[in-house]
Amino acid sequence: MDSYGGAVHPTPPFNAPAARRLREALGMAPGHVAYGLAAQYGLRVPAETVVAWERGLATPGERELTALAGVLWCAPGELLAAASTLREHRMSRELSVDDLARQLGMTGASYLRMEETGRWKGNERQSAALCRALGLSPAQFLTATGRDEELAELLTSAVTTRWQAYVRPVATIPEQPLGLYLRSSARILLRPEEAPDGDAPGAKTPEHDAVRALVRAMLGQLALFHAPEELWLALCVSDERRPDWEWVKWLPHALDPHEEDGAGQARRITADLTELDDLLGAEF
């Protein structure tokens, strides 16, 4: 957008807390800053405006930002939030359009046109010079030159079309740990595969042992990383399966802090669901 023959730029991403912190570190009041802007740079900025800048209620323009940095004895980049455009990166490096264009080997008008449109059209050598002059990482270069969206489209197109033949074989990696957010589910069912033909129903198989080993590992990890006040363990196990879970009674997470039996604190382990409900109590 043009106004009075010149381009109207968006205000730079001003870091209001940093401005106040720098001023206070120098022992200056807003009035001192306003005086410095007028005396050193000829900018008539009232103290109230300086306060508004520091509160995020107003934002200094490019000329005001450069002058404010001079008054506060800092680089303009220290008064900016994370730069994302070519203009913001240039300002943070205290480079004029002509200075930067000279380093890139192009005219000031050509560079300014690319800066204003956000579309970089420099060649490979000029791109490398731009990264050196502005200290841009590859990711910052893509964002500042307006190429991040183009790259995202190219990658999306590649993944959804030509790379499918290569992606599918490695889309699933077997035997890898799986994270579960337990609070998101009221129940998690772990069930072994069906017993092979000829096995009696309910017969123990290697798959049953694997499931029990997985549950033991889950309970052990939970008990290791949670205090008894944070985690309760309660088991409903049939008498014939009880030997497989006797080890749980040694965990303090399975002890009832209020009930006792002949062995001391009652364990929350039973073969009856109704009794388990009583062990958990009204609090649960």
Protein backbone atom coordinates (compact mmCIF):
# COMPACT_ATOMS: atom_id res chain seq x y z
CA MET A 1 0.00 0.00 0.00
CA ASP A 2 1.36 3.43 -0.92
CA SER A 3 0.77 6.74 0.80
CA TYR A 4 2.10 10.12 -0.40
CA GLY A 5 4.31 8.33 -2.90
CA GLY A 6 6.00 6.03 -0.36
CA ALA A 7 5.36 2.52 0.82
CA VAL A 8 3.60 2.09 4.15
CA HIS A 9 5.39 -0.62 6.15
CA PRO A 10 3.94 -2.61 9.03
CA THR A 11 5.37 -1.59 12.36
CA PRO A 12 8.29 -3.76 13.53
CA PRO A 13 7.63 -6.46 16.17
CA PHE A 14 8.52 -4.26 19.15
CA ASN A 15 9.61 -5.93 22.40
CA ALA A 16 7.96 -3.67 24.98
CA PRO A 17 9.28 -5.44 28.14
CA ALA A 18 12.83 -5.25 26.79
CA ALA A 19 12.53 -1.49 26.26
CA ARG A 20 11.44 -0.92 29.82
CA ARG A 21 14.09 -3.27 31.21
CA LEU A 22 16.87 -1.50 29.29
CA ARG A 23 15.66 1.96 30.38
CA GLU A 24 15.48 0.98 34.03
CA ALA A 25 18.93 -0.61 33.85
CA LEU A 26 20.29 2.79 32.82
CA GLY A 27 18.46 4.51 35.67
CA MET A 28 16.43 6.61 33.24
CA ALA A 29 12.84 7.81 33.53
CA PRO A 30 10.50 8.01 30.49
CA GLY A 31 11.10 11.76 30.45
CA HIS A 32 14.83 11.20 30.06
CA VAL A 33 14.19 8.96 27.06
CA ALA A 34 11.89 11.56 25.50
CA TYR A 35 14.56 14.23 26.01
CA GLY A 36 17.22 12.04 24.41
CA LEU A 37 15.04 11.37 21.37
CA ALA A 38 14.58 15.10 20.88
CA ALA A 39 18.13 16.22 21.63
CA GLN A 40 19.98 13.48 19.73
CA TYR A 41 17.59 12.66 16.88
CA GLY A 42 15.21 15.60 16.60
CA LEU A 43 12.15 13.45 17.37
CA ARG A 44 9.43 15.17 19.37
CA VAL A 45 8.10 12.22 21.37
CA PRO A 46 6.37 12.97 24.69
CA ALA A 47 7.13 10.90 27.77
CA GLU A 48 3.57 9.56 27.67
CA THR A 49 4.31 7.96 24.30
CA VAL A 50 7.45 6.30 25.69
CA VAL A 51 5.30 4.84 28.48
CA ALA A 52 2.76 3.64 25.90
CA TRP A 53 5.54 1.89 23.99
CA GLU A 54 6.71 0.10 27.12
CA ARG A 55 3.16 -1.01 27.95
CA GLY A 56 2.50 -2.34 24.47
CA LEU A 57 -0.22 0.26 23.83
CA ALA A 58 1.69 1.83 20.93
CA THR A 59 4.58 0.83 18.69
CA PRO A 60 7.49 2.97 17.49
CA GLY A 61 8.09 3.29 13.77
CA GLU A 62 11.34 2.31 12.10
CA ARG A 63 12.99 5.72 12.60
CA GLU A 64 11.76 5.93 16.19
CA LEU A 65 12.97 2.41 16.92
CA THR A 66 16.48 3.18 15.66
CA ALA A 67 16.57 6.40 17.70
CA LEU A 68 15.24 4.63 20.81
CA ALA A 69 18.01 2.04 20.52
CA GLY A 70 20.55 4.85 20.39
CA VAL A 71 19.13 6.51 23.51
CA LEU A 72 19.08 3.20 25.38
CA TRP A 73 22.60 2.25 24.25
CA CYS A 74 21.54 -1.01 22.62
CA ALA A 75 21.19 -2.53 19.18
CA PRO A 76 17.78 -2.21 17.47
CA GLY A 77 17.59 -5.99 17.47
CA GLU A 78 17.42 -5.94 21.29
CA LEU A 79 14.17 -4.00 21.04
CA LEU A 80 12.59 -6.39 18.57
CA ALA A 81 10.73 -9.63 19.12
CA ALA A 82 11.76 -12.54 16.90
CA ALA A 83 12.28 -11.15 13.40
CA SER A 84 10.54 -12.95 10.56
CA THR A 85 10.67 -10.64 7.50
CA LEU A 86 13.63 -9.34 5.53
CA ARG A 87 12.92 -5.83 6.78
CA GLU A 88 12.87 -6.93 10.42
CA HIS A 89 16.13 -8.86 10.05
CA ARG A 90 17.74 -5.88 8.31
CA MET A 91 16.61 -3.51 11.07
CA SER A 92 17.94 -5.81 13.77
CA ARG A 93 21.35 -5.67 12.05
CA GLU A 94 21.23 -1.85 11.77
CA LEU A 95 21.65 -1.99 8.00
CA SER A 96 20.19 0.53 5.59
CA VAL A 97 18.63 -0.63 2.34
CA ASP A 98 21.56 0.69 0.32
CA ASP A 99 24.17 -0.90 2.62
CA LEU A 100 22.57 -4.31 2.38
CA ALA A 101 21.96 -4.02 -1.36
CA ARG A 102 25.64 -3.16 -1.85
CA GLN A 103 26.68 -6.33 -0.04
CA LEU A 104 24.33 -8.36 -2.22
CA GLY A 105 25.53 -6.84 -5.47
CA MET A 106 22.23 -5.27 -6.51
CA THR A 107 20.67 -1.84 -6.61
CA GLY A 108 18.87 -0.43 -3.59
CA ALA A 109 15.63 -0.16 -5.60
CA SER A 110 15.79 -3.81 -6.65
CA TYR A 111 16.37 -5.02 -3.11
CA LEU A 112 13.71 -2.73 -1.65
CA ARG A 113 11.14 -4.07 -4.11
CA MET A 114 11.81 -7.63 -2.93
CA GLU A 115 11.75 -6.58 0.73
CA GLU A 116 8.40 -4.82 0.33
CA THR A 117 6.75 -7.70 -1.55
CA GLY A 118 8.28 -10.40 0.67
CA ARG A 119 9.36 -12.34 -2.44
CA TRP A 120 13.07 -12.96 -2.84
CA LYS A 121 14.31 -13.25 -6.45
CA GLY A 122 18.06 -13.20 -5.91
CA ASN A 123 20.36 -15.82 -7.39
CA GLU A 124 22.29 -18.45 -5.45
CA ARG A 125 25.27 -16.17 -4.79
CA GLN A 126 23.04 -13.32 -3.64
CA SER A 127 21.06 -15.68 -1.41
CA ALA A 128 24.23 -16.86 0.29
CA ALA A 129 25.34 -13.23 0.74
CA LEU A 130 21.94 -12.36 2.22
CA CYS A 131 22.22 -15.16 4.80
CA ARG A 132 25.71 -13.99 5.76
CA ALA A 133 24.75 -10.32 6.03
CA LEU A 134 21.61 -10.93 8.10
CA GLY A 135 22.83 -14.02 9.98
CA LEU A 136 19.96 -16.16 8.72
CA SER A 137 19.61 -19.86 9.38
CA PRO A 138 18.13 -21.99 6.55
CA ALA A 139 14.74 -21.97 8.28
CA GLN A 140 14.85 -18.18 8.80
CA PHE A 141 15.84 -17.69 5.16
CA LEU A 142 12.84 -19.70 3.95
CA THR A 143 10.44 -17.70 6.14
CA ALA A 144 11.93 -14.28 5.40
CA THR A 145 11.96 -14.85 1.64
CA GLY A 146 8.40 -16.18 1.51
CA ARG A 147 9.40 -19.68 0.47
CA ASP A 148 8.24 -21.66 3.51
CA GLU A 149 4.71 -22.12 2.14
CA GLU A 150 6.08 -23.19 -1.23
CA LEU A 151 8.35 -25.74 0.46
CA ALA A 152 5.45 -27.07 2.53
CA GLU A 153 3.38 -27.57 -0.63
CA LEU A 154 6.23 -29.37 -2.38
CA LEU A 155 6.84 -31.68 0.58
CA THR A 156 3.12 -32.43 0.95
CA SER A 157 2.88 -33.21 -2.75
CA ALA A 158 5.91 -35.47 -2.59
CA VAL A 159 4.72 -37.39 0.46
CA THR A 160 1.19 -37.88 -0.86
CA THR A 161 2.19 -38.90 -4.38
CA ARG A 162 5.65 -39.95 -5.58
CA TRP A 163 7.03 -41.02 -2.18
CA GLN A 164 4.18 -43.36 -1.27
CA ALA A 165 6.00 -46.39 -2.66
CA TYR A 166 8.88 -45.65 -0.28
CA VAL A 167 6.86 -44.48 2.72
CA ARG A 168 4.47 -47.42 3.03
CA PRO A 169 7.13 -50.09 3.77
CA VAL A 170 8.46 -48.07 6.72
CA ALA A 171 5.19 -46.51 7.88
CA THR A 172 4.92 -49.11 10.67
CA ILE A 173 7.94 -50.07 12.74
CA PRO A 174 7.32 -53.33 14.65
CA GLU A 175 8.20 -53.98 18.28
CA GLN A 176 8.46 -50.33 19.27
CA PRO A 177 7.29 -48.88 22.64
CA LEU A 178 3.79 -47.45 22.64
CA GLY A 179 2.85 -44.54 24.90
CA LEU A 180 -0.60 -44.60 26.50
CA TYR A 181 -2.29 -41.65 28.22
CA LEU A 182 -4.18 -43.59 30.90
CA ARG A 183 -6.36 -40.70 32.04
CA SER A 184 -7.97 -40.49 28.61
CA SER A 185 -9.58 -43.95 28.92
CA ALA A 186 -11.85 -45.48 31.52
CA ARG A 187 -10.66 -48.97 30.58
CA ILE A 188 -7.74 -50.50 28.67
CA LEU A 189 -8.21 -54.11 27.58
CA LEU A 190 -5.14 -56.26 26.94
CA ARG A 191 -6.06 -59.60 25.42
CA PRO A 192 -3.80 -62.35 23.99
CA GLU A 193 -4.45 -63.82 20.59
CA GLU A 194 -6.90 -66.69 20.32
CA ALA A 195 -5.53 -70.06 21.47
CA PRO A 196 -4.46 -72.35 18.60
CA ASP A 197 -6.89 -75.03 17.49
CA GLY A 198 -6.79 -78.01 19.81
CA ASP A 199 -5.93 -76.04 22.97
CA ALA A 200 -8.46 -76.13 25.76
CA PRO A 201 -10.37 -72.88 26.35
CA GLY A 202 -8.59 -70.75 28.94
CA ALA A 203 -5.35 -72.70 28.56
CA LYS A 204 -2.14 -70.73 29.25
CA THR A 205 -0.15 -69.93 26.14
CA PRO A 206 3.00 -67.89 25.46
CA GLU A 207 0.66 -65.05 24.42
CA HIS A 208 -0.90 -65.04 27.92
CA ASP A 209 2.55 -64.84 29.49
CA ALA A 210 3.44 -61.93 27.21
CA VAL A 211 0.31 -60.01 28.25
CA ARG A 212 1.02 -60.59 31.94
CA ALA A 213 4.61 -59.43 31.44
CA LEU A 214 3.34 -56.27 29.75
CA VAL A 215 0.94 -55.50 32.60
CA ARG A 216 3.71 -56.12 35.16
CA ALA A 217 5.92 -53.66 33.29
CA MET A 218 3.15 -51.04 33.17
CA LEU A 219 2.38 -51.36 36.88
CA GLY A 220 6.07 -51.28 37.75
CA GLN A 221 6.62 -48.09 35.75
CA LEU A 222 3.58 -46.44 37.30
CA ALA A 223 4.72 -47.33 40.82
CA LEU A 224 8.27 -46.18 40.12
CA PHE A 225 7.30 -42.70 38.95
CA HIS A 226 4.33 -42.02 41.26
CA ALA A 227 4.11 -41.79 45.05
CA PRO A 228 1.49 -43.91 46.89
CA GLU A 229 -0.43 -40.67 47.55
CA GLU A 230 -0.67 -40.11 43.79
CA LEU A 231 -1.41 -43.65 42.63
CA TRP A 232 -3.62 -46.43 44.00
CA LEU A 233 -3.28 -50.01 42.81
CA ALA A 234 -6.25 -52.34 43.25
CA LEU A 235 -6.45 -55.84 41.76
CA CYS A 236 -9.37 -58.16 41.20
CA VAL A 237 -7.75 -61.55 40.55
CA SER A 238 -9.21 -65.04 40.67
CA ASP A 239 -7.76 -67.46 43.24
CA GLU A 240 -6.12 -69.60 40.56
CA ARG A 241 -4.38 -66.55 39.08
CA ARG A 242 -3.44 -65.08 42.47
CA PRO A 243 0.12 -66.53 42.52
CA ASP A 244 0.94 -64.55 39.38
CA TRP A 245 0.16 -61.29 41.20
CA GLU A 246 1.41 -61.91 44.74
CA TRP A 247 4.29 -59.51 44.12
CA VAL A 248 1.89 -56.54 44.04
CA LYS A 249 1.25 -56.83 47.80
CA TRP A 250 4.76 -55.52 48.46
CA LEU A 251 4.03 -52.23 46.70
CA PRO A 252 2.87 -49.44 49.06
CA HIS A 253 0.51 -48.30 46.31
CA ALA A 254 -1.65 -51.38 46.95
CA LEU A 255 -1.96 -50.77 50.73
CA ASP A 256 -5.08 -49.21 52.22
CA PRO A 257 -4.02 -46.34 54.51
CA HIS A 258 -7.22 -46.65 56.60
CA GLU A 259 -7.98 -50.38 56.83
CA GLU A 260 -5.96 -53.12 58.52
CA ASP A 261 -6.06 -56.91 58.59
CA GLY A 262 -4.07 -59.54 60.46
CA ALA A 263 -0.91 -58.74 58.50
CA GLY A 264 -1.09 -54.97 58.95
CA GLN A 265 -2.43 -52.55 56.35
CA ALA A 266 -5.03 -54.22 54.16
CA ARG A 267 -4.06 -54.92 50.57
CA ARG A 268 -6.37 -53.88 47.78
CA ILE A 269 -6.32 -57.35 46.23
CA THR A 270 -9.40 -59.55 46.08
CA ALA A 271 -11.22 -62.04 43.89
CA ASP A 272 -14.61 -60.33 44.28
CA LEU A 273 -15.62 -57.12 42.46
CA THR A 274 -18.04 -56.09 45.22
CA GLU A 275 -15.33 -56.48 47.84
CA LEU A 276 -12.94 -54.50 45.64
CA ASP A 277 -15.49 -51.69 45.50
CA ASP A 278 -15.61 -51.70 49.30
CA LEU A 279 -11.81 -51.65 49.51
CA LEU A 280 -11.65 -48.60 47.30
CA GLY A 281 -14.23 -46.83 49.46
CA ALA A 282 -16.49 -43.87 48.84
CA GLU A 283 -13.53 -41.63 47.96
CA PHE A 284 -12.96 -43.57 44.76
